[in-house]
Full PDB file with SEQRES, HELIX, SHEET, SSBOND, CRYST1, ORIGX, SCALE, CONECT and MASTER records, all heavy atoms in Angstrom:
SEQRES   1 A   37  TYR THR TYR THR PRO PHE ARG GLU GLN SER ASP ILE PRO          
SEQRES   2 A   37  VAL PHE ASP SER SER ALA ARG SER LEU ASN TYR ASN GLN          
SEQRES   3 A   37  LEU PHE ALA GLU ASN ARG PHE THR GLY LYS ASP                  
HELIX    1 AA1 ASN A   25  PHE A   28  5                                   4    
CRYST1    1.000    1.000    1.000  90.00  90.00  90.00 P 1           1          
ORIGX1      1.000000  0.000000  0.000000        0.00000                         
ORIGX2      0.000000  1.000000  0.000000        0.00000                         
ORIGX3      0.000000  0.000000  1.000000        0.00000                         
SCALE1      1.000000  0.000000  0.000000        0.00000                         
SCALE2      0.000000  1.000000  0.000000        0.00000                         
SCALE3      0.000000  0.000000  1.000000        0.00000                         
ATOM      1  N   TYR A   1     159.726 128.397  73.586  1.00  0.00           N  
ATOM      2  CA  TYR A   1     160.329 127.627  74.683  1.00  0.00           C  
ATOM      3  C   TYR A   1     159.250 127.295  75.706  1.00  0.00           C  
ATOM      4  O   TYR A   1     158.397 128.133  76.029  1.00  0.00           O  
ATOM      5  CB  TYR A   1     161.439 128.417  75.376  1.00  0.00           C  
ATOM      6  CG  TYR A   1     161.974 127.718  76.610  1.00  0.00           C  
ATOM      7  CD1 TYR A   1     162.879 126.663  76.507  1.00  0.00           C  
ATOM      8  CD2 TYR A   1     161.542 128.094  77.896  1.00  0.00           C  
ATOM      9  CE1 TYR A   1     163.347 126.001  77.637  1.00  0.00           C  
ATOM     10  CE2 TYR A   1     162.004 127.445  79.031  1.00  0.00           C  
ATOM     11  CZ  TYR A   1     162.909 126.394  78.886  1.00  0.00           C  
ATOM     12  OH  TYR A   1     163.367 125.747  80.016  1.00  0.00           O  
ATOM     13  N   THR A   2     159.264 126.057  76.201  1.00  0.00           N  
ATOM     14  CA  THR A   2     158.323 125.663  77.243  1.00  0.00           C  
ATOM     15  C   THR A   2     159.022 124.791  78.277  1.00  0.00           C  
ATOM     16  O   THR A   2     159.923 124.004  77.945  1.00  0.00           O  
ATOM     17  CB  THR A   2     157.118 124.901  76.646  1.00  0.00           C  
ATOM     18  OG1 THR A   2     156.183 124.603  77.687  1.00  0.00           O  
ATOM     19  CG2 THR A   2     157.546 123.603  75.997  1.00  0.00           C  
ATOM     20  N   TYR A   3     158.591 124.975  79.522  1.00  0.00           N  
ATOM     21  CA  TYR A   3     159.169 124.190  80.620  1.00  0.00           C  
ATOM     22  C   TYR A   3     158.038 123.690  81.507  1.00  0.00           C  
ATOM     23  O   TYR A   3     157.184 124.468  81.960  1.00  0.00           O  
ATOM     24  CB  TYR A   3     160.125 125.024  81.467  1.00  0.00           C  
ATOM     25  CG  TYR A   3     160.650 124.259  82.660  1.00  0.00           C  
ATOM     26  CD1 TYR A   3     161.680 123.331  82.526  1.00  0.00           C  
ATOM     27  CD2 TYR A   3     160.084 124.442  83.931  1.00  0.00           C  
ATOM     28  CE1 TYR A   3     162.149 122.613  83.618  1.00  0.00           C  
ATOM     29  CE2 TYR A   3     160.546 123.728  85.031  1.00  0.00           C  
ATOM     30  CZ  TYR A   3     161.578 122.814  84.869  1.00  0.00           C  
ATOM     31  OH  TYR A   3     162.029 122.096  85.944  1.00  0.00           O  
ATOM     32  N   THR A   4     158.014 122.367  81.741  1.00  0.00           N  
ATOM     33  CA  THR A   4     157.078 121.727  82.657  1.00  0.00           C  
ATOM     34  C   THR A   4     157.867 120.738  83.503  1.00  0.00           C  
ATOM     35  O   THR A   4     158.488 119.819  82.950  1.00  0.00           O  
ATOM     36  CB  THR A   4     155.966 120.983  81.904  1.00  0.00           C  
ATOM     37  OG1 THR A   4     155.268 121.893  81.050  1.00  0.00           O  
ATOM     38  CG2 THR A   4     154.981 120.354  82.871  1.00  0.00           C  
ATOM     39  N   PRO A   5     157.889 120.891  84.813  1.00  0.00           N  
ATOM     40  CA  PRO A   5     158.671 119.964  85.648  1.00  0.00           C  
ATOM     41  C   PRO A   5     158.045 118.572  85.668  1.00  0.00           C  
ATOM     42  O   PRO A   5     156.848 118.399  85.420  1.00  0.00           O  
ATOM     43  CB  PRO A   5     158.638 120.616  87.027  1.00  0.00           C  
ATOM     44  CG  PRO A   5     157.391 121.430  87.034  1.00  0.00           C  
ATOM     45  CD  PRO A   5     157.221 121.929  85.631  1.00  0.00           C  
ATOM     46  N   PHE A   6     158.856 117.594  85.980  1.00  0.00           N  
ATOM     47  CA  PHE A   6     158.391 116.203  86.041  1.00  0.00           C  
ATOM     48  C   PHE A   6     157.547 115.974  87.284  1.00  0.00           C  
ATOM     49  O   PHE A   6     157.891 116.402  88.382  1.00  0.00           O  
ATOM     50  CB  PHE A   6     159.588 115.248  86.059  1.00  0.00           C  
ATOM     51  CG  PHE A   6     159.212 113.827  86.360  1.00  0.00           C  
ATOM     52  CD1 PHE A   6     158.561 113.048  85.423  1.00  0.00           C  
ATOM     53  CD2 PHE A   6     159.480 113.282  87.622  1.00  0.00           C  
ATOM     54  CE1 PHE A   6     158.202 111.744  85.719  1.00  0.00           C  
ATOM     55  CE2 PHE A   6     159.128 111.971  87.916  1.00  0.00           C  
ATOM     56  CZ  PHE A   6     158.484 111.199  86.955  1.00  0.00           C  
ATOM     57  N   ARG A   7     156.407 115.290  87.098  1.00  0.00           N  
ATOM     58  CA  ARG A   7     155.577 114.830  88.190  1.00  0.00           C  
ATOM     59  C   ARG A   7     155.272 113.346  87.937  1.00  0.00           C  
ATOM     60  O   ARG A   7     154.862 112.974  86.831  1.00  0.00           O  
ATOM     61  CB  ARG A   7     154.259 115.618  88.284  1.00  0.00           C  
ATOM     62  CG  ARG A   7     154.435 117.075  88.671  1.00  0.00           C  
ATOM     63  CD  ARG A   7     154.917 117.227  90.106  1.00  0.00           C  
ATOM     64  NE  ARG A   7     154.931 118.626  90.531  1.00  0.00           N  
ATOM     65  CZ  ARG A   7     155.977 119.443  90.401  1.00  0.00           C  
ATOM     66  NH1 ARG A   7     157.106 118.989  89.835  1.00  0.00           N  
ATOM     67  NH2 ARG A   7     155.911 120.682  90.806  1.00  0.00           N  
ATOM     68  N   GLU A   8     155.453 112.534  88.942  1.00  0.00           N  
ATOM     69  CA  GLU A   8     155.170 111.101  88.804  1.00  0.00           C  
ATOM     70  C   GLU A   8     153.666 110.904  88.575  1.00  0.00           C  
ATOM     71  O   GLU A   8     152.844 111.347  89.376  1.00  0.00           O  
ATOM     72  CB  GLU A   8     155.605 110.360  90.062  1.00  0.00           C  
ATOM     73  CG  GLU A   8     155.341 108.867  90.017  1.00  0.00           C  
ATOM     74  CD  GLU A   8     156.056 108.176  88.878  1.00  0.00           C  
ATOM     75  OE1 GLU A   8     157.291 108.365  88.747  1.00  0.00           O  
ATOM     76  OE2 GLU A   8     155.373 107.492  88.097  1.00  0.00           O  
ATOM     77  N   GLN A   9     153.332 110.226  87.508  1.00  0.00           N  
ATOM     78  CA  GLN A   9     151.923 110.064  87.145  1.00  0.00           C  
ATOM     79  C   GLN A   9     151.581 108.627  86.751  1.00  0.00           C  
ATOM     80  O   GLN A   9     150.490 108.375  86.231  1.00  0.00           O  
ATOM     81  CB  GLN A   9     151.576 111.009  85.972  1.00  0.00           C  
ATOM     82  CG  GLN A   9     151.846 112.480  86.288  1.00  0.00           C  
ATOM     83  CD  GLN A   9     151.706 113.374  85.070  1.00  0.00           C  
ATOM     84  OE1 GLN A   9     150.687 113.355  84.390  1.00  0.00           O  
ATOM     85  NE2 GLN A   9     152.746 114.159  84.800  1.00  0.00           N  
ATOM     86  N   SER A  10     152.490 107.700  86.987  1.00  0.00           N  
ATOM     87  CA  SER A  10     152.270 106.327  86.545  1.00  0.00           C  
ATOM     88  C   SER A  10     151.107 105.660  87.264  1.00  0.00           C  
ATOM     89  O   SER A  10     150.536 104.685  86.762  1.00  0.00           O  
ATOM     90  CB  SER A  10     153.541 105.502  86.733  1.00  0.00           C  
ATOM     91  OG  SER A  10     153.932 105.494  88.103  1.00  0.00           O  
ATOM     92  N   ASP A  11     150.744 106.146  88.460  1.00  0.00           N  
ATOM     93  CA  ASP A  11     149.628 105.538  89.183  1.00  0.00           C  
ATOM     94  C   ASP A  11     148.285 106.143  88.799  1.00  0.00           C  
ATOM     95  O   ASP A  11     147.242 105.727  89.303  1.00  0.00           O  
ATOM     96  CB  ASP A  11     149.846 105.670  90.690  1.00  0.00           C  
ATOM     97  CG  ASP A  11     150.049 107.115  91.116  1.00  0.00           C  
ATOM     98  OD1 ASP A  11     150.283 107.972  90.217  1.00  0.00           O  
ATOM     99  OD2 ASP A  11     149.989 107.401  92.325  1.00  0.00           O  
ATOM    100  N   ILE A  12     148.290 107.120  87.908  1.00  0.00           N  
ATOM    101  CA  ILE A  12     147.048 107.752  87.458  1.00  0.00           C  
ATOM    102  C   ILE A  12     146.500 106.968  86.273  1.00  0.00           C  
ATOM    103  O   ILE A  12     147.211 106.733  85.291  1.00  0.00           O  
ATOM    104  CB  ILE A  12     147.283 109.222  87.063  1.00  0.00           C  
ATOM    105  CG1 ILE A  12     147.748 110.037  88.280  1.00  0.00           C  
ATOM    106  CG2 ILE A  12     146.017 109.825  86.468  1.00  0.00           C  
ATOM    107  CD1 ILE A  12     148.072 111.475  87.952  1.00  0.00           C  
ATOM    108  N   PRO A  13     145.251 106.523  86.318  1.00  0.00           N  
ATOM    109  CA  PRO A  13     144.683 105.797  85.170  1.00  0.00           C  
ATOM    110  C   PRO A  13     144.528 106.730  83.972  1.00  0.00           C  
ATOM    111  O   PRO A  13     144.450 107.953  84.112  1.00  0.00           O  
ATOM    112  CB  PRO A  13     143.327 105.323  85.686  1.00  0.00           C  
ATOM    113  CG  PRO A  13     142.970 106.289  86.768  1.00  0.00           C  
ATOM    114  CD  PRO A  13     144.276 106.684  87.414  1.00  0.00           C  
ATOM    115  N   VAL A  14     144.492 106.132  82.805  1.00  0.00           N  
ATOM    116  CA  VAL A  14     144.318 106.911  81.569  1.00  0.00           C  
ATOM    117  C   VAL A  14     142.861 106.825  81.141  1.00  0.00           C  
ATOM    118  O   VAL A  14     142.407 105.784  80.647  1.00  0.00           O  
ATOM    119  CB  VAL A  14     145.251 106.399  80.455  1.00  0.00           C  
ATOM    120  CG1 VAL A  14     144.972 107.143  79.151  1.00  0.00           C  
ATOM    121  CG2 VAL A  14     146.703 106.562  80.870  1.00  0.00           C  
ATOM    122  N   PHE A  15     142.131 107.900  81.362  1.00  0.00           N  
ATOM    123  CA  PHE A  15     140.733 107.959  80.957  1.00  0.00           C  
ATOM    124  C   PHE A  15     140.566 108.510  79.540  1.00  0.00           C  
ATOM    125  O   PHE A  15     139.792 107.990  78.754  1.00  0.00           O  
ATOM    126  CB  PHE A  15     139.934 108.828  81.937  1.00  0.00           C  
ATOM    127  CG  PHE A  15     139.793 108.214  83.305  1.00  0.00           C  
ATOM    128  CD1 PHE A  15     140.107 108.949  84.446  1.00  0.00           C  
ATOM    129  CD2 PHE A  15     139.345 106.918  83.463  1.00  0.00           C  
ATOM    130  CE1 PHE A  15     139.967 108.395  85.705  1.00  0.00           C  
ATOM    131  CE2 PHE A  15     139.202 106.352  84.717  1.00  0.00           C  
ATOM    132  CZ  PHE A  15     139.524 107.089  85.845  1.00  0.00           C  
ATOM    133  N   ASP A  16     141.261 109.597  79.210  1.00  0.00           N  
ATOM    134  CA  ASP A  16     141.057 110.231  77.903  1.00  0.00           C  
ATOM    135  C   ASP A  16     142.336 110.808  77.318  1.00  0.00           C  
ATOM    136  O   ASP A  16     142.286 111.674  76.454  1.00  0.00           O  
ATOM    137  CB  ASP A  16     139.991 111.328  77.995  1.00  0.00           C  
ATOM    138  CG  ASP A  16     140.386 112.443  78.966  1.00  0.00           C  
ATOM    139  OD1 ASP A  16     141.494 112.398  79.532  1.00  0.00           O  
ATOM    140  OD2 ASP A  16     139.578 113.380  79.151  1.00  0.00           O  
ATOM    141  N   SER A  17     143.500 110.348  77.756  1.00  0.00           N  
ATOM    142  CA  SER A  17     144.766 110.876  77.247  1.00  0.00           C  
ATOM    143  C   SER A  17     145.374 109.942  76.216  1.00  0.00           C  
ATOM    144  O   SER A  17     145.203 108.721  76.274  1.00  0.00           O  
ATOM    145  CB  SER A  17     145.770 111.090  78.387  1.00  0.00           C  
ATOM    146  OG  SER A  17     145.476 112.257  79.114  1.00  0.00           O  
ATOM    147  N   SER A  18     146.076 110.518  75.257  1.00  0.00           N  
ATOM    148  CA  SER A  18     146.837 109.770  74.261  1.00  0.00           C  
ATOM    149  C   SER A  18     147.975 110.657  73.785  1.00  0.00           C  
ATOM    150  O   SER A  18     147.961 111.878  74.006  1.00  0.00           O  
ATOM    151  CB  SER A  18     145.959 109.354  73.082  1.00  0.00           C  
ATOM    152  OG  SER A  18     145.442 110.498  72.416  1.00  0.00           O  
ATOM    153  N   ALA A  19     148.968 110.063  73.163  1.00  0.00           N  
ATOM    154  CA  ALA A  19     150.095 110.832  72.652  1.00  0.00           C  
ATOM    155  C   ALA A  19     149.675 111.573  71.384  1.00  0.00           C  
ATOM    156  O   ALA A  19     148.999 111.015  70.510  1.00  0.00           O  
ATOM    157  CB  ALA A  19     151.271 109.907  72.359  1.00  0.00           C  
ATOM    158  N   ARG A  20     150.047 112.825  71.298  1.00  0.00           N  
ATOM    159  CA  ARG A  20     149.751 113.603  70.101  1.00  0.00           C  
ATOM    160  C   ARG A  20     150.672 113.167  68.964  1.00  0.00           C  
ATOM    161  O   ARG A  20     151.854 112.923  69.164  1.00  0.00           O  
ATOM    162  CB  ARG A  20     149.949 115.096  70.353  1.00  0.00           C  
ATOM    163  CG  ARG A  20     149.002 115.705  71.372  1.00  0.00           C  
ATOM    164  CD  ARG A  20     149.290 117.190  71.513  1.00  0.00           C  
ATOM    165  NE  ARG A  20     148.526 117.813  72.578  1.00  0.00           N  
ATOM    166  CZ  ARG A  20     147.327 118.374  72.420  1.00  0.00           C  
ATOM    167  NH1 ARG A  20     146.779 118.381  71.213  1.00  0.00           N  
ATOM    168  NH2 ARG A  20     146.695 118.926  73.434  1.00  0.00           N  
ATOM    169  N   SER A  21     150.122 113.101  67.773  1.00  0.00           N  
ATOM    170  CA  SER A  21     150.951 112.843  66.600  1.00  0.00           C  
ATOM    171  C   SER A  21     151.765 114.095  66.290  1.00  0.00           C  
ATOM    172  O   SER A  21     151.237 115.217  66.312  1.00  0.00           O  
ATOM    173  CB  SER A  21     150.081 112.473  65.396  1.00  0.00           C  
ATOM    174  OG  SER A  21     149.335 111.300  65.657  1.00  0.00           O  
ATOM    175  N   LEU A  22     153.026 113.896  66.009  1.00  0.00           N  
ATOM    176  CA  LEU A  22     153.906 115.031  65.754  1.00  0.00           C  
ATOM    177  C   LEU A  22     153.563 115.647  64.403  1.00  0.00           C  
ATOM    178  O   LEU A  22     153.512 114.959  63.382  1.00  0.00           O  
ATOM    179  CB  LEU A  22     155.368 114.589  65.775  1.00  0.00           C  
ATOM    180  CG  LEU A  22     156.402 115.700  65.577  1.00  0.00           C  
ATOM    181  CD1 LEU A  22     156.320 116.727  66.699  1.00  0.00           C  
ATOM    182  CD2 LEU A  22     157.815 115.107  65.491  1.00  0.00           C  
ATOM    183  N   ASN A  23     153.298 116.924  64.414  1.00  0.00           N  
ATOM    184  CA  ASN A  23     153.129 117.678  63.176  1.00  0.00           C  
ATOM    185  C   ASN A  23     153.650 119.089  63.407  1.00  0.00           C  
ATOM    186  O   ASN A  23     154.133 119.419  64.494  1.00  0.00           O  
ATOM    187  CB  ASN A  23     151.660 117.693  62.725  1.00  0.00           C  
ATOM    188  CG  ASN A  23     150.724 118.218  63.797  1.00  0.00           C  
ATOM    189  OD1 ASN A  23     150.985 119.239  64.442  1.00  0.00           O  
ATOM    190  ND2 ASN A  23     149.622 117.508  64.009  1.00  0.00           N  
ATOM    191  N   TYR A  24     153.553 119.938  62.417  1.00  0.00           N  
ATOM    192  CA  TYR A  24     154.161 121.262  62.526  1.00  0.00           C  
ATOM    193  C   TYR A  24     153.513 122.076  63.639  1.00  0.00           C  
ATOM    194  O   TYR A  24     154.205 122.747  64.415  1.00  0.00           O  
ATOM    195  CB  TYR A  24     154.050 121.994  61.191  1.00  0.00           C  
ATOM    196  CG  TYR A  24     154.832 123.295  61.177  1.00  0.00           C  
ATOM    197  CD1 TYR A  24     156.213 123.298  61.010  1.00  0.00           C  
ATOM    198  CD2 TYR A  24     154.186 124.517  61.349  1.00  0.00           C  
ATOM    199  CE1 TYR A  24     156.931 124.486  61.015  1.00  0.00           C  
ATOM    200  CE2 TYR A  24     154.887 125.704  61.345  1.00  0.00           C  
ATOM    201  CZ  TYR A  24     156.267 125.682  61.181  1.00  0.00           C  
ATOM    202  OH  TYR A  24     156.970 126.857  61.196  1.00  0.00           O  
ATOM    203  N   ASN A  25     152.196 122.028  63.782  1.00  0.00           N  
ATOM    204  CA  ASN A  25     151.529 122.797  64.835  1.00  0.00           C  
ATOM    205  C   ASN A  25     151.885 122.279  66.224  1.00  0.00           C  
ATOM    206  O   ASN A  25     151.927 123.046  67.194  1.00  0.00           O  
ATOM    207  CB  ASN A  25     150.013 122.765  64.630  1.00  0.00           C  
ATOM    208  CG  ASN A  25     149.574 123.537  63.403  1.00  0.00           C  
ATOM    209  OD1 ASN A  25     150.218 124.507  63.013  1.00  0.00           O  
ATOM    210  ND2 ASN A  25     148.495 123.103  62.783  1.00  0.00           N  
ATOM    211  N   GLN A  26     152.144 120.972  66.342  1.00  0.00           N  
ATOM    212  CA  GLN A  26     152.487 120.389  67.629  1.00  0.00           C  
ATOM    213  C   GLN A  26     153.831 120.888  68.144  1.00  0.00           C  
ATOM    214  O   GLN A  26     154.123 120.789  69.343  1.00  0.00           O  
ATOM    215  CB  GLN A  26     152.490 118.866  67.507  1.00  0.00           C  
ATOM    216  CG  GLN A  26     152.823 118.110  68.773  1.00  0.00           C  
ATOM    217  CD  GLN A  26     151.841 118.378  69.908  1.00  0.00           C  
ATOM    218  OE1 GLN A  26     150.708 118.795  69.646  1.00  0.00           O  
ATOM    219  NE2 GLN A  26     152.262 118.157  71.142  1.00  0.00           N  
ATOM    220  N   LEU A  27     154.656 121.453  67.278  1.00  0.00           N  
ATOM    221  CA  LEU A  27     155.936 122.020  67.720  1.00  0.00           C  
ATOM    222  C   LEU A  27     155.733 123.143  68.732  1.00  0.00           C  
ATOM    223  O   LEU A  27     156.641 123.445  69.516  1.00  0.00           O  
ATOM    224  CB  LEU A  27     156.718 122.552  66.516  1.00  0.00           C  
ATOM    225  CG  LEU A  27     157.212 121.529  65.482  1.00  0.00           C  
ATOM    226  CD1 LEU A  27     157.859 122.260  64.312  1.00  0.00           C  
ATOM    227  CD2 LEU A  27     158.184 120.541  66.108  1.00  0.00           C  
ATOM    228  N   PHE A  28     154.552 123.753  68.741  1.00  0.00           N  
ATOM    229  CA  PHE A  28     154.311 124.930  69.582  1.00  0.00           C  
ATOM    230  C   PHE A  28     153.269 124.638  70.671  1.00  0.00           C  
ATOM    231  O   PHE A  28     152.658 125.560  71.211  1.00  0.00           O  
ATOM    232  CB  PHE A  28     153.848 126.094  68.712  1.00  0.00           C  
ATOM    233  CG  PHE A  28     154.747 126.342  67.534  1.00  0.00           C  
ATOM    234  CD1 PHE A  28     154.409 125.856  66.283  1.00  0.00           C  
ATOM    235  CD2 PHE A  28     155.947 127.010  67.694  1.00  0.00           C  
ATOM    236  CE1 PHE A  28     155.247 126.065  65.196  1.00  0.00           C  
ATOM    237  CE2 PHE A  28     156.789 127.217  66.612  1.00  0.00           C  
ATOM    238  CZ  PHE A  28     156.441 126.745  65.360  1.00  0.00           C  
ATOM    239  N   ALA A  29     153.069 123.360  71.003  1.00  0.00           N  
ATOM    240  CA  ALA A  29     152.140 122.972  72.064  1.00  0.00           C  
ATOM    241  C   ALA A  29     152.905 122.725  73.355  1.00  0.00           C  
ATOM    242  O   ALA A  29     154.017 122.193  73.345  1.00  0.00           O  
ATOM    243  CB  ALA A  29     151.358 121.729  71.664  1.00  0.00           C  
ATOM    244  N   GLU A  30     152.308 123.107  74.488  1.00  0.00           N  
ATOM    245  CA  GLU A  30     152.971 122.910  75.770  1.00  0.00           C  
ATOM    246  C   GLU A  30     152.969 121.447  76.197  1.00  0.00           C  
ATOM    247  O   GLU A  30     153.919 120.977  76.817  1.00  0.00           O  
ATOM    248  CB  GLU A  30     152.285 123.760  76.849  1.00  0.00           C  
ATOM    249  CG  GLU A  30     152.478 125.260  76.674  1.00  0.00           C  
ATOM    250  CD  GLU A  30     151.847 126.051  77.804  1.00  0.00           C  
ATOM    251  OE1 GLU A  30     151.180 125.425  78.655  1.00  0.00           O  
ATOM    252  OE2 GLU A  30     152.010 127.277  77.843  1.00  0.00           O  
ATOM    253  N   ASN A  31     151.901 120.715  75.886  1.00  0.00           N  
ATOM    254  CA  ASN A  31     151.771 119.338  76.349  1.00  0.00           C  
ATOM    255  C   ASN A  31     151.801 118.393  75.161  1.00  0.00           C  
ATOM    256  O   ASN A  31     151.106 118.608  74.164  1.00  0.00           O  
ATOM    257  CB  ASN A  31     150.465 119.160  77.130  1.00  0.00           C  
ATOM    258  CG  ASN A  31     150.377 117.822  77.837  1.00  0.00           C  
ATOM    259  OD1 ASN A  31     151.365 117.111  77.982  1.00  0.00           O  
ATOM    260  ND2 ASN A  31     149.175 117.470  78.281  1.00  0.00           N  
ATOM    261  N   ARG A  32     152.560 117.328  75.232  1.00  0.00           N  
ATOM    262  CA  ARG A  32     152.653 116.364  74.144  1.00  0.00           C  
ATOM    263  C   ARG A  32     151.562 115.302  74.214  1.00  0.00           C  
ATOM    264  O   ARG A  32     151.538 114.382  73.392  1.00  0.00           O  
ATOM    265  CB  ARG A  32     154.025 115.700  74.123  1.00  0.00           C  
ATOM    266  CG  ARG A  32     154.368 114.861  75.353  1.00  0.00           C  
ATOM    267  CD  ARG A  32     155.750 114.233  75.202  1.00  0.00           C  
ATOM    268  NE  ARG A  32     156.109 113.383  76.338  1.00  0.00           N  
ATOM    269  CZ  ARG A  32     156.727 113.797  77.422  1.00  0.00           C  
ATOM    270  NH1 ARG A  32     157.055 115.085  77.532  1.00  0.00           N  
ATOM    271  NH2 ARG A  32     157.024 112.967  78.407  1.00  0.00           N  
ATOM    272  N   PHE A  33     150.665 115.405  75.219  1.00  0.00           N  
ATOM    273  CA  PHE A  33     149.558 114.472  75.356  1.00  0.00           C  
ATOM    274  C   PHE A  33     148.234 115.216  75.185  1.00  0.00           C  
ATOM    275  O   PHE A  33     148.113 116.397  75.528  1.00  0.00           O  
ATOM    276  CB  PHE A  33     149.564 113.792  76.733  1.00  0.00           C  
ATOM    277  CG  PHE A  33     150.784 112.957  76.985  1.00  0.00           C  
ATOM    278  CD1 PHE A  33     151.821 113.456  77.770  1.00  0.00           C  
ATOM    279  CD2 PHE A  33     150.906 111.685  76.456  1.00  0.00           C  
ATOM    280  CE1 PHE A  33     152.947 112.696  78.020  1.00  0.00           C  
ATOM    281  CE2 PHE A  33     152.027 110.919  76.698  1.00  0.00           C  
ATOM    282  CZ  PHE A  33     153.061 111.417  77.475  1.00  0.00           C  
ATOM    283  N   THR A  34     147.225 114.484  74.698  1.00  0.00           N  
ATOM    284  CA  THR A  34     145.866 115.011  74.709  1.00  0.00           C  
ATOM    285  C   THR A  34     145.234 114.704  76.061  1.00  0.00           C  
ATOM    286  O   THR A  34     145.733 113.897  76.841  1.00  0.00           O  
ATOM    287  CB  THR A  34     145.025 114.363  73.600  1.00  0.00           C  
ATOM    288  OG1 THR A  34     144.900 112.957  73.868  1.00  0.00           O  
ATOM    289  CG2 THR A  34     145.670 114.544  72.237  1.00  0.00           C  
ATOM    290  N   GLY A  35     144.084 115.300  76.347  1.00  0.00           N  
ATOM    291  CA  GLY A  35     143.379 115.030  77.598  1.00  0.00           C  
ATOM    292  C   GLY A  35     144.099 115.621  78.797  1.00  0.00           C  
ATOM    293  O   GLY A  35     144.974 116.481  78.686  1.00  0.00           O  
ATOM    294  N   LYS A  36     143.722 115.123  80.002  1.00  0.00           N  
ATOM    295  CA  LYS A  36     144.235 115.702  81.247  1.00  0.00           C  
ATOM    296  C   LYS A  36     144.888 114.672  82.160  1.00  0.00           C  
ATOM    297  O   LYS A  36     145.327 115.021  83.252  1.00  0.00           O  
ATOM    298  CB  LYS A  36     143.096 116.402  81.993  1.00  0.00           C  
ATOM    299  CG  LYS A  36     142.433 117.528  81.214  1.00  0.00           C  
ATOM    300  CD  LYS A  36     141.292 118.136  82.000  1.00  0.00           C  
ATOM    301  CE  LYS A  36     140.710 119.335  81.259  1.00  0.00           C  
ATOM    302  NZ  LYS A  36     140.034 118.939  80.009  1.00  0.00           N  
ATOM    303  N   ASP A  37     144.958 113.413  81.739  1.00  0.00           N  
ATOM    304  CA  ASP A  37     145.531 112.383  82.613  1.00  0.00           C  
ATOM    305  C   ASP A  37     147.053 112.326  82.540  1.00  0.00           C  
ATOM    306  O   ASP A  37     147.683 111.696  83.395  1.00  0.00           O  
ATOM    307  CB  ASP A  37     144.957 111.013  82.250  1.00  0.00           C  
ATOM    308  CG  ASP A  37     143.450 110.973  82.436  1.00  0.00           C  
ATOM    309  OD1 ASP A  37     142.976 111.518  83.446  1.00  0.00           O  
ATOM    310  OD2 ASP A  37     142.762 110.417  81.566  1.00  0.00           O  
TER     311      ASP A  37                                                      
MASTER        0    0    0    1    0    0    0    6  310    1    0    3          
END                                                                             
């Protein structure tokens, strides 16, 4: 189980983030995005 509250981030540019491809290991990741943006 993981919980992360919503924070508005639409005004933050995307330097190195992308959506992770769903796979079995991704089921246990806290963040569904790569990078930090």
